[in-house]
Amino acid sequence: KADRSAQGSFGEMLLVNRATGAEVGPLGMGAAVTTARADMSQAALR
């Protein structure tokens, strides 16, 4: 049975200006494989 995987966000980090303490905004930490499952569909018979 073939595998199927899905990707999602690894998470976010909040950036802050050290000098002023003001929030700059979120920074994405990239993608990660969130789920992996087998495709259980019936295959052809030989």
All heavy atoms as atom14 arrays in JSON, in Angstrom:
{
  "sequence": "KADRSAQGSFGEMLLVNRATGAEVGPLGMGAAVTTARADMSQAALR",
  "atom14_mask": [
    [1, 1, 1, 1, 1, 1, 1, 1, 1, 0, 0, 0, 0, 0],
    [1, 1, 1, 1, 1, 0, 0, 0, 0, 0, 0, 0, 0, 0],
    [1, 1, 1, 1, 1, 1, 1, 1, 0, 0, 0, 0, 0, 0],
    [1, 1, 1, 1, 1, 1, 1, 1, 1, 1, 1, 0, 0, 0],
    [1, 1, 1, 1, 1, 1, 0, 0, 0, 0, 0, 0, 0, 0],
    [1, 1, 1, 1, 1, 0, 0, 0, 0, 0, 0, 0, 0, 0],
    [1, 1, 1, 1, 1, 1, 1, 1, 1, 0, 0, 0, 0, 0],
    [1, 1, 1, 1, 0, 0, 0, 0, 0, 0, 0, 0, 0, 0],
    [1, 1, 1, 1, 1, 1, 0, 0, 0, 0, 0, 0, 0, 0],
    [1, 1, 1, 1, 1, 1, 1, 1, 1, 1, 1, 0, 0, 0],
    [1, 1, 1, 1, 0, 0, 0, 0, 0, 0, 0, 0, 0, 0],
    [1, 1, 1, 1, 1, 1, 1, 1, 1, 0, 0, 0, 0, 0],
    [1, 1, 1, 1, 1, 1, 1, 1, 0, 0, 0, 0, 0, 0],
    [1, 1, 1, 1, 1, 1, 1, 1, 0, 0, 0, 0, 0, 0],
    [1, 1, 1, 1, 1, 1, 1, 1, 0, 0, 0, 0, 0, 0],
    [1, 1, 1, 1, 1, 1, 1, 0, 0, 0, 0, 0, 0, 0],
    [1, 1, 1, 1, 1, 1, 1, 1, 0, 0, 0, 0, 0, 0],
    [1, 1, 1, 1, 1, 1, 1, 1, 1, 1, 1, 0, 0, 0],
    [1, 1, 1, 1, 1, 0, 0, 0, 0, 0, 0, 0, 0, 0],
    [1, 1, 1, 1, 1, 1, 1, 0, 0, 0, 0, 0, 0, 0],
    [1, 1, 1, 1, 0, 0, 0, 0, 0, 0, 0, 0, 0, 0],
    [1, 1, 1, 1, 1, 0, 0, 0, 0, 0, 0, 0, 0, 0],
    [1, 1, 1, 1, 1, 1, 1, 1, 1, 0, 0, 0, 0, 0],
    [1, 1, 1, 1, 1, 1, 1, 0, 0, 0, 0, 0, 0, 0],
    [1, 1, 1, 1, 0, 0, 0, 0, 0, 0, 0, 0, 0, 0],
    [1, 1, 1, 1, 1, 1, 1, 0, 0, 0, 0, 0, 0, 0],
    [1, 1, 1, 1, 1, 1, 1, 1, 0, 0, 0, 0, 0, 0],
    [1, 1, 1, 1, 0, 0, 0, 0, 0, 0, 0, 0, 0, 0],
    [1, 1, 1, 1, 1, 1, 1, 1, 0, 0, 0, 0, 0, 0],
    [1, 1, 1, 1, 0, 0, 0, 0, 0, 0, 0, 0, 0, 0],
    [1, 1, 1, 1, 1, 0, 0, 0, 0, 0, 0, 0, 0, 0],
    [1, 1, 1, 1, 1, 0, 0, 0, 0, 0, 0, 0, 0, 0],
    [1, 1, 1, 1, 1, 1, 1, 0, 0, 0, 0, 0, 0, 0],
    [1, 1, 1, 1, 1, 1, 1, 0, 0, 0, 0, 0, 0, 0],
    [1, 1, 1, 1, 1, 1, 1, 0, 0, 0, 0, 0, 0, 0],
    [1, 1, 1, 1, 1, 0, 0, 0, 0, 0, 0, 0, 0, 0],
    [1, 1, 1, 1, 1, 1, 1, 1, 1, 1, 1, 0, 0, 0],
    [1, 1, 1, 1, 1, 0, 0, 0, 0, 0, 0, 0, 0, 0],
    [1, 1, 1, 1, 1, 1, 1, 1, 0, 0, 0, 0, 0, 0],
    [1, 1, 1, 1, 1, 1, 1, 1, 0, 0, 0, 0, 0, 0],
    [1, 1, 1, 1, 1, 1, 0, 0, 0, 0, 0, 0, 0, 0],
    [1, 1, 1, 1, 1, 1, 1, 1, 1, 0, 0, 0, 0, 0],
    [1, 1, 1, 1, 1, 0, 0, 0, 0, 0, 0, 0, 0, 0],
    [1, 1, 1, 1, 1, 0, 0, 0, 0, 0, 0, 0, 0, 0],
    [1, 1, 1, 1, 1, 1, 1, 1, 0, 0, 0, 0, 0, 0],
    [1, 1, 1, 1, 1, 1, 1, 1, 1, 1, 1, 0, 0, 0]
  ],
  "atom14_positions": [
    [[0.84, -1.19, 0.0], [0.0, 0.0, 0.0], [0.88, 1.24, 0.0], [1.77, 1.39, 0.84], [-0.92, 0.01, 1.23], [-1.87, -1.19, 1.29], [-2.73, -1.29, 0.05], [-3.65, -2.5, 0.07], [-4.42, -2.64, -1.19], [0.0, 0.0, 0.0], [0.0, 0.0, 0.0], [0.0, 0.0, 0.0], [0.0, 0.0, 0.0], [0.0, 0.0, 0.0]],
    [[0.64, 2.11, -0.98], [1.45, 3.32, -1.12], [1.22, 4.27, 0.05], [0.14, 4.31, 0.64], [1.12, 4.01, -2.44], [0.0, 0.0, 0.0], [0.0, 0.0, 0.0], [0.0, 0.0, 0.0], [0.0, 0.0, 0.0], [0.0, 0.0, 0.0], [0.0, 0.0, 0.0], [0.0, 0.0, 0.0], [0.0, 0.0, 0.0], [0.0, 0.0, 0.0]],
    [[2.25, 5.01, 0.38], [2.17, 5.99, 1.46], [1.73, 7.34, 0.93], [2.06, 7.72, -0.21], [3.52, 6.14, 2.16], [3.88, 4.93, 2.99], [3.01, 4.45, 3.73], [5.03, 4.45, 2.91], [0.0, 0.0, 0.0], [0.0, 0.0, 0.0], [0.0, 0.0, 0.0], [0.0, 0.0, 0.0], [0.0, 0.0, 0.0], [0.0, 0.0, 0.0]],
    [[1.03, 8.08, 1.75], [0.65, 9.45, 1.44], [1.03, 10.32, 2.63], [0.73, 9.99, 3.78], [-0.87, 9.57, 1.19], [-1.36, 8.7, 0.04], [-1.02, 9.3, -1.3], [-1.53, 8.49, -2.4], [-0.8, 7.63, -3.09], [0.48, 7.46, -2.79], [-1.31, 6.92, -4.07], [0.0, 0.0, 0.0], [0.0, 0.0, 0.0], [0.0, 0.0, 0.0]],
    [[1.72, 11.42, 2.38], [2.14, 12.31, 3.47], [1.62, 13.72, 3.22], [1.39, 14.11, 2.08], [3.67, 12.33, 3.6], [4.27, 12.79, 2.4], [0.0, 0.0, 0.0], [0.0, 0.0, 0.0], [0.0, 0.0, 0.0], [0.0, 0.0, 0.0], [0.0, 0.0, 0.0], [0.0, 0.0, 0.0], [0.0, 0.0, 0.0], [0.0, 0.0, 0.0]],
    [[1.42, 14.45, 4.3], [0.95, 15.83, 4.21], [1.91, 16.72, 5.0], [2.47, 16.3, 6.01], [-0.47, 15.96, 4.77], [0.0, 0.0, 0.0], [0.0, 0.0, 0.0], [0.0, 0.0, 0.0], [0.0, 0.0, 0.0], [0.0, 0.0, 0.0], [0.0, 0.0, 0.0], [0.0, 0.0, 0.0], [0.0, 0.0, 0.0], [0.0, 0.0, 0.0]],
    [[2.09, 17.93, 4.5], [2.97, 18.88, 5.16], [2.17, 20.0, 5.8], [1.09, 20.34, 5.34], [3.98, 19.46, 4.16], [4.94, 18.44, 3.59], [5.92, 19.06, 2.61], [5.96, 20.27, 2.43], [6.73, 18.22, 1.99], [0.0, 0.0, 0.0], [0.0, 0.0, 0.0], [0.0, 0.0, 0.0], [0.0, 0.0, 0.0], [0.0, 0.0, 0.0]],
    [[2.72, 20.54, 6.86], [2.1, 21.68, 7.53], [3.17, 22.58, 8.1], [4.37, 22.28, 8.03], [0.0, 0.0, 0.0], [0.0, 0.0, 0.0], [0.0, 0.0, 0.0], [0.0, 0.0, 0.0], [0.0, 0.0, 0.0], [0.0, 0.0, 0.0], [0.0, 0.0, 0.0], [0.0, 0.0, 0.0], [0.0, 0.0, 0.0], [0.0, 0.0, 0.0]],
    [[2.75, 23.68, 8.68], [3.69, 24.63, 9.26], [4.38, 24.03, 10.47], [3.74, 23.41, 11.33], [2.96, 25.92, 9.66], [3.84, 26.79, 10.34], [0.0, 0.0, 0.0], [0.0, 0.0, 0.0], [0.0, 0.0, 0.0], [0.0, 0.0, 0.0], [0.0, 0.0, 0.0], [0.0, 0.0, 0.0], [0.0, 0.0, 0.0], [0.0, 0.0, 0.0]],
    [[5.7, 24.2, 10.55], [6.47, 23.7, 11.7], [6.21, 24.55, 12.93], [6.44, 24.13, 14.05], [7.96, 23.7, 11.34], [8.8, 22.99, 12.35], [8.81, 21.61, 12.43], [9.59, 23.7, 13.24], [9.58, 20.94, 13.36], [10.37, 23.04, 14.18], [10.37, 21.66, 14.23], [0.0, 0.0, 0.0], [0.0, 0.0, 0.0], [0.0, 0.0, 0.0]],
    [[5.75, 25.77, 12.72], [5.52, 26.69, 13.84], [5.97, 28.08, 13.47], [6.53, 28.32, 12.4], [0.0, 0.0, 0.0], [0.0, 0.0, 0.0], [0.0, 0.0, 0.0], [0.0, 0.0, 0.0], [0.0, 0.0, 0.0], [0.0, 0.0, 0.0], [0.0, 0.0, 0.0], [0.0, 0.0, 0.0], [0.0, 0.0, 0.0], [0.0, 0.0, 0.0]],
    [[5.72, 29.03, 14.35], [6.11, 30.42, 14.11], [6.85, 30.99, 15.31], [6.66, 30.53, 16.45], [4.87, 31.29, 13.83], [4.18, 30.98, 12.49], [3.05, 31.93, 12.21], [2.57, 32.59, 13.16], [2.65, 32.04, 11.03], [0.0, 0.0, 0.0], [0.0, 0.0, 0.0], [0.0, 0.0, 0.0], [0.0, 0.0, 0.0], [0.0, 0.0, 0.0]],
    [[7.72, 31.94, 15.03], [8.47, 32.62, 16.08], [8.14, 34.1, 16.02], [8.14, 34.7, 14.93], [9.97, 32.39, 15.87], [10.86, 33.09, 16.87], [12.61, 32.61, 16.67], [12.91, 33.11, 14.97], [0.0, 0.0, 0.0], [0.0, 0.0, 0.0], [0.0, 0.0, 0.0], [0.0, 0.0, 0.0], [0.0, 0.0, 0.0], [0.0, 0.0, 0.0]],
    [[7.84, 34.72, 17.17], [7.5, 36.13, 17.22], [8.78, 36.96, 17.31], [9.59, 36.76, 18.23], [6.59, 36.43, 18.41], [6.14, 37.88, 18.57], [5.28, 38.3, 17.38], [5.37, 38.07, 19.88], [0.0, 0.0, 0.0], [0.0, 0.0, 0.0], [0.0, 0.0, 0.0], [0.0, 0.0, 0.0], [0.0, 0.0, 0.0], [0.0, 0.0, 0.0]],
    [[8.97, 37.85, 16.35], [10.14, 38.72, 16.36], [9.83, 40.02, 17.1], [8.78, 40.62, 16.92], [10.57, 39.03, 14.92], [10.97, 37.84, 14.05], [11.44, 38.32, 12.68], [12.06, 37.03, 14.72], [0.0, 0.0, 0.0], [0.0, 0.0, 0.0], [0.0, 0.0, 0.0], [0.0, 0.0, 0.0], [0.0, 0.0, 0.0], [0.0, 0.0, 0.0]],
    [[10.79, 40.43, 17.94], [10.64, 41.65, 18.73], [11.87, 42.52, 18.54], [13.01, 42.02, 18.55], [10.45, 41.31, 20.23], [10.37, 42.59, 21.06], [9.22, 40.46, 20.44], [0.0, 0.0, 0.0], [0.0, 0.0, 0.0], [0.0, 0.0, 0.0], [0.0, 0.0, 0.0], [0.0, 0.0, 0.0], [0.0, 0.0, 0.0], [0.0, 0.0, 0.0]],
    [[11.65, 43.83, 18.36], [12.76, 44.78, 18.26], [13.41, 44.92, 19.62], [12.78, 45.36, 20.58], [12.24, 46.14, 17.75], [13.36, 47.11, 17.45], [14.29, 47.27, 18.23], [13.26, 47.77, 16.3], [0.0, 0.0, 0.0], [0.0, 0.0, 0.0], [0.0, 0.0, 0.0], [0.0, 0.0, 0.0], [0.0, 0.0, 0.0], [0.0, 0.0, 0.0]],
    [[14.68, 44.52, 19.73], [15.37, 44.56, 21.02], [15.51, 45.98, 21.57], [15.47, 46.18, 22.78], [16.76, 43.94, 20.89], [16.76, 42.44, 20.85], [18.17, 41.92, 20.75], [18.31, 40.63, 21.37], [19.45, 39.98, 21.5], [20.55, 40.51, 21.04], [19.49, 38.81, 22.08], [0.0, 0.0, 0.0], [0.0, 0.0, 0.0], [0.0, 0.0, 0.0]],
    [[15.69, 46.93, 20.68], [15.91, 48.3, 21.12], [14.65, 48.94, 21.69], [14.68, 49.61, 22.73], [16.45, 49.14, 19.96], [0.0, 0.0, 0.0], [0.0, 0.0, 0.0], [0.0, 0.0, 0.0], [0.0, 0.0, 0.0], [0.0, 0.0, 0.0], [0.0, 0.0, 0.0], [0.0, 0.0, 0.0], [0.0, 0.0, 0.0], [0.0, 0.0, 0.0]],
    [[13.51, 48.7, 21.0], [12.27, 49.37, 21.41], [11.29, 48.45, 22.14], [10.37, 48.9, 22.81], [11.56, 49.95, 20.18], [11.17, 48.85, 19.31], [12.5, 50.88, 19.41], [0.0, 0.0, 0.0], [0.0, 0.0, 0.0], [0.0, 0.0, 0.0], [0.0, 0.0, 0.0], [0.0, 0.0, 0.0], [0.0, 0.0, 0.0], [0.0, 0.0, 0.0]],
    [[11.48, 47.15, 21.98], [10.55, 46.2, 22.58], [9.29, 46.01, 21.77], [8.39, 45.26, 22.17], [0.0, 0.0, 0.0], [0.0, 0.0, 0.0], [0.0, 0.0, 0.0], [0.0, 0.0, 0.0], [0.0, 0.0, 0.0], [0.0, 0.0, 0.0], [0.0, 0.0, 0.0], [0.0, 0.0, 0.0], [0.0, 0.0, 0.0], [0.0, 0.0, 0.0]],
    [[9.21, 46.69, 20.61], [8.01, 46.58, 19.78], [8.02, 45.26, 19.01], [9.08, 44.77, 18.59], [7.95, 47.74, 18.8], [0.0, 0.0, 0.0], [0.0, 0.0, 0.0], [0.0, 0.0, 0.0], [0.0, 0.0, 0.0], [0.0, 0.0, 0.0], [0.0, 0.0, 0.0], [0.0, 0.0, 0.0], [0.0, 0.0, 0.0], [0.0, 0.0, 0.0]],
    [[6.84, 44.73, 18.81], [6.72, 43.5, 18.04], [6.92, 43.78, 16.56], [6.33, 44.71, 16.01], [5.34, 42.86, 18.25], [5.11, 42.34, 19.66], [3.78, 41.62, 19.81], [3.07, 41.52, 18.79], [3.45, 41.18, 20.92], [0.0, 0.0, 0.0], [0.0, 0.0, 0.0], [0.0, 0.0, 0.0], [0.0, 0.0, 0.0], [0.0, 0.0, 0.0]],
    [[7.77, 42.97, 15.93], [8.0, 43.1, 14.5], [6.99, 42.26, 13.72], [6.48, 42.66, 12.68], [9.44, 42.66, 14.14], [9.67, 42.72, 12.63], [10.44, 43.55, 14.87], [0.0, 0.0, 0.0], [0.0, 0.0, 0.0], [0.0, 0.0, 0.0], [0.0, 0.0, 0.0], [0.0, 0.0, 0.0], [0.0, 0.0, 0.0], [0.0, 0.0, 0.0]],
    [[6.69, 41.07, 14.25], [5.74, 40.18, 13.6], [6.22, 38.75, 13.66], [7.33, 38.45, 14.13], [0.0, 0.0, 0.0], [0.0, 0.0, 0.0], [0.0, 0.0, 0.0], [0.0, 0.0, 0.0], [0.0, 0.0, 0.0], [0.0, 0.0, 0.0], [0.0, 0.0, 0.0], [0.0, 0.0, 0.0], [0.0, 0.0, 0.0], [0.0, 0.0, 0.0]],
    [[5.39, 37.82, 13.18], [5.77, 36.4, 13.23], [6.7, 36.02, 12.08], [6.66, 36.6, 11.01], [4.42, 35.68, 13.09], [3.59, 36.62, 12.26], [4.03, 38.01, 12.66], [0.0, 0.0, 0.0], [0.0, 0.0, 0.0], [0.0, 0.0, 0.0], [0.0, 0.0, 0.0], [0.0, 0.0, 0.0], [0.0, 0.0, 0.0], [0.0, 0.0, 0.0]],
    [[7.56, 35.03, 12.35], [8.45, 34.47, 11.35], [8.2, 32.98, 11.27], [8.32, 32.27, 12.28], [9.92, 34.73, 11.71], [10.97, 34.07, 10.81], [10.91, 34.69, 9.41], [12.37, 34.22, 11.4], [0.0, 0.0, 0.0], [0.0, 0.0, 0.0], [0.0, 0.0, 0.0], [0.0, 0.0, 0.0], [0.0, 0.0, 0.0], [0.0, 0.0, 0.0]],
    [[7.81, 32.5, 10.09], [7.56, 31.07, 9.92], [8.83, 30.25, 10.07], [9.92, 30.68, 9.64], [0.0, 0.0, 0.0], [0.0, 0.0, 0.0], [0.0, 0.0, 0.0], [0.0, 0.0, 0.0], [0.0, 0.0, 0.0], [0.0, 0.0, 0.0], [0.0, 0.0, 0.0], [0.0, 0.0, 0.0], [0.0, 0.0, 0.0], [0.0, 0.0, 0.0]],
    [[8.71, 29.09, 10.68], [9.86, 28.22, 10.91], [9.97, 27.12, 9.85], [10.73, 26.17, 10.01], [9.75, 27.58, 12.3], [9.74, 28.59, 13.44], [11.31, 29.47, 13.58], [12.33, 28.15, 14.22], [0.0, 0.0, 0.0], [0.0, 0.0, 0.0], [0.0, 0.0, 0.0], [0.0, 0.0, 0.0], [0.0, 0.0, 0.0], [0.0, 0.0, 0.0]],
    [[9.18, 27.25, 8.77], [9.27, 26.27, 7.7], [8.21, 25.19, 7.79], [7.31, 25.24, 8.64], [0.0, 0.0, 0.0], [0.0, 0.0, 0.0], [0.0, 0.0, 0.0], [0.0, 0.0, 0.0], [0.0, 0.0, 0.0], [0.0, 0.0, 0.0], [0.0, 0.0, 0.0], [0.0, 0.0, 0.0], [0.0, 0.0, 0.0], [0.0, 0.0, 0.0]],
    [[8.32, 24.22, 6.9], [7.32, 23.14, 6.81], [7.85, 21.86, 7.44], [9.05, 21.66, 7.57], [6.96, 22.9, 5.35], [0.0, 0.0, 0.0], [0.0, 0.0, 0.0], [0.0, 0.0, 0.0], [0.0, 0.0, 0.0], [0.0, 0.0, 0.0], [0.0, 0.0, 0.0], [0.0, 0.0, 0.0], [0.0, 0.0, 0.0], [0.0, 0.0, 0.0]],
    [[6.92, 21.0, 7.81], [7.27, 19.68, 8.35], [6.21, 18.68, 7.9], [5.08, 19.06, 7.58], [7.33, 19.73, 9.88], [0.0, 0.0, 0.0], [0.0, 0.0, 0.0], [0.0, 0.0, 0.0], [0.0, 0.0, 0.0], [0.0, 0.0, 0.0], [0.0, 0.0, 0.0], [0.0, 0.0, 0.0], [0.0, 0.0, 0.0], [0.0, 0.0, 0.0]],
    [[6.59, 17.41, 7.84], [5.62, 16.35, 7.54], [4.76, 16.16, 8.77], [5.25, 15.79, 9.84], [6.34, 15.05, 7.16], [5.32, 13.94, 6.96], [7.17, 15.24, 5.9], [0.0, 0.0, 0.0], [0.0, 0.0, 0.0], [0.0, 0.0, 0.0], [0.0, 0.0, 0.0], [0.0, 0.0, 0.0], [0.0, 0.0, 0.0], [0.0, 0.0, 0.0]],
    [[3.46, 16.44, 8.64], [2.55, 16.37, 9.79], [1.84, 15.03, 9.89], [1.58, 14.55, 10.99], [1.5, 17.49, 9.7], [0.82, 17.41, 8.44], [2.17, 18.86, 9.83], [0.0, 0.0, 0.0], [0.0, 0.0, 0.0], [0.0, 0.0, 0.0], [0.0, 0.0, 0.0], [0.0, 0.0, 0.0], [0.0, 0.0, 0.0], [0.0, 0.0, 0.0]],
    [[1.5, 14.43, 8.76], [0.82, 13.13, 8.78], [1.36, 12.25, 7.66], [1.75, 12.74, 6.61], [-0.71, 13.28, 8.6], [-0.98, 13.93, 7.35], [-1.33, 14.06, 9.73], [0.0, 0.0, 0.0], [0.0, 0.0, 0.0], [0.0, 0.0, 0.0], [0.0, 0.0, 0.0], [0.0, 0.0, 0.0], [0.0, 0.0, 0.0], [0.0, 0.0, 0.0]],
    [[1.39, 10.96, 7.93], [1.76, 9.97, 6.92], [0.86, 8.77, 7.11], [0.73, 8.25, 8.22], [3.23, 9.58, 7.06], [0.0, 0.0, 0.0], [0.0, 0.0, 0.0], [0.0, 0.0, 0.0], [0.0, 0.0, 0.0], [0.0, 0.0, 0.0], [0.0, 0.0, 0.0], [0.0, 0.0, 0.0], [0.0, 0.0, 0.0], [0.0, 0.0, 0.0]],
    [[0.22, 8.34, 6.05], [-0.7, 7.21, 6.15], [-0.63, 6.39, 4.87], [-0.16, 6.86, 3.82], [-2.14, 7.68, 6.38], [-2.69, 8.53, 5.25], [-4.13, 8.92, 5.44], [-4.64, 9.7, 4.33], [-5.07, 9.2, 3.19], [-5.06, 7.87, 3.01], [-5.52, 9.96, 2.22], [0.0, 0.0, 0.0], [0.0, 0.0, 0.0], [0.0, 0.0, 0.0]],
    [[-1.07, 5.15, 4.97], [-1.09, 4.27, 3.81], [-2.43, 4.38, 3.1], [-3.48, 4.47, 3.75], [-0.84, 2.84, 4.24], [0.0, 0.0, 0.0], [0.0, 0.0, 0.0], [0.0, 0.0, 0.0], [0.0, 0.0, 0.0], [0.0, 0.0, 0.0], [0.0, 0.0, 0.0], [0.0, 0.0, 0.0], [0.0, 0.0, 0.0], [0.0, 0.0, 0.0]],
    [[-2.4, 4.4, 1.79], [-3.62, 4.4, 0.98], [-4.1, 2.95, 0.88], [-3.49, 2.13, 0.2], [-3.31, 4.96, -0.41], [-4.54, 5.03, -1.3], [-5.61, 4.54, -0.88], [-4.43, 5.56, -2.42], [0.0, 0.0, 0.0], [0.0, 0.0, 0.0], [0.0, 0.0, 0.0], [0.0, 0.0, 0.0], [0.0, 0.0, 0.0], [0.0, 0.0, 0.0]],
    [[-5.2, 2.63, 1.55], [-5.67, 1.26, 1.66], [-6.62, 0.86, 0.54], [-7.31, -0.16, 0.64], [-6.36, 1.05, 3.02], [-5.49, 1.39, 4.22], [-3.91, 0.49, 4.23], [-4.48, -1.19, 4.36], [0.0, 0.0, 0.0], [0.0, 0.0, 0.0], [0.0, 0.0, 0.0], [0.0, 0.0, 0.0], [0.0, 0.0, 0.0], [0.0, 0.0, 0.0]],
    [[-6.64, 1.6, -0.54], [-7.52, 1.26, -1.66], [-7.19, -0.11, -2.24], [-6.02, -0.53, -2.25], [-7.4, 2.31, -2.77], [-7.69, 3.6, -2.29], [0.0, 0.0, 0.0], [0.0, 0.0, 0.0], [0.0, 0.0, 0.0], [0.0, 0.0, 0.0], [0.0, 0.0, 0.0], [0.0, 0.0, 0.0], [0.0, 0.0, 0.0], [0.0, 0.0, 0.0]],
    [[-8.24, -0.81, -2.69], [-8.05, -2.13, -3.32], [-7.26, -1.97, -4.61], [-7.54, -1.12, -5.44], [-9.42, -2.74, -3.61], [-9.37, -4.03, -4.41], [-9.18, -5.26, -3.54], [-9.84, -5.41, -2.52], [-8.27, -6.13, -3.93], [0.0, 0.0, 0.0], [0.0, 0.0, 0.0], [0.0, 0.0, 0.0], [0.0, 0.0, 0.0], [0.0, 0.0, 0.0]],
    [[-6.23, -2.82, -4.78], [-5.46, -2.82, -6.02], [-5.98, -3.93, -6.93], [-6.72, -4.83, -6.5], [-3.98, -3.02, -5.72], [0.0, 0.0, 0.0], [0.0, 0.0, 0.0], [0.0, 0.0, 0.0], [0.0, 0.0, 0.0], [0.0, 0.0, 0.0], [0.0, 0.0, 0.0], [0.0, 0.0, 0.0], [0.0, 0.0, 0.0], [0.0, 0.0, 0.0]],
    [[-5.59, -3.89, -8.18], [-6.03, -4.89, -9.15], [-5.46, -6.27, -8.81], [-4.37, -6.38, -8.23], [-5.6, -4.48, -10.55], [0.0, 0.0, 0.0], [0.0, 0.0, 0.0], [0.0, 0.0, 0.0], [0.0, 0.0, 0.0], [0.0, 0.0, 0.0], [0.0, 0.0, 0.0], [0.0, 0.0, 0.0], [0.0, 0.0, 0.0], [0.0, 0.0, 0.0]],
    [[-6.21, -7.32, -9.16], [-5.76, -8.69, -8.92], [-5.06, -9.23, -10.15], [-5.45, -8.95, -11.28], [-6.94, -9.58, -8.55], [-7.81, -9.15, -7.36], [-8.8, -10.26, -7.0], [-6.98, -8.77, -6.16], [0.0, 0.0, 0.0], [0.0, 0.0, 0.0], [0.0, 0.0, 0.0], [0.0, 0.0, 0.0], [0.0, 0.0, 0.0], [0.0, 0.0, 0.0]],
    [[-4.03, -10.01, -9.9], [-3.25, -10.61, -11.0], [-3.27, -12.13, -10.85], [-2.96, -12.67, -9.78], [-1.81, -10.09, -10.93], [-0.84, -10.76, -11.87], [0.49, -10.03, -11.85], [1.08, -9.98, -10.53], [1.87, -10.93, -10.01], [2.11, -12.03, -10.72], [2.39, -10.79, -8.81], [0.0, 0.0, 0.0], [0.0, 0.0, 0.0], [0.0, 0.0, 0.0]]
  ]
}
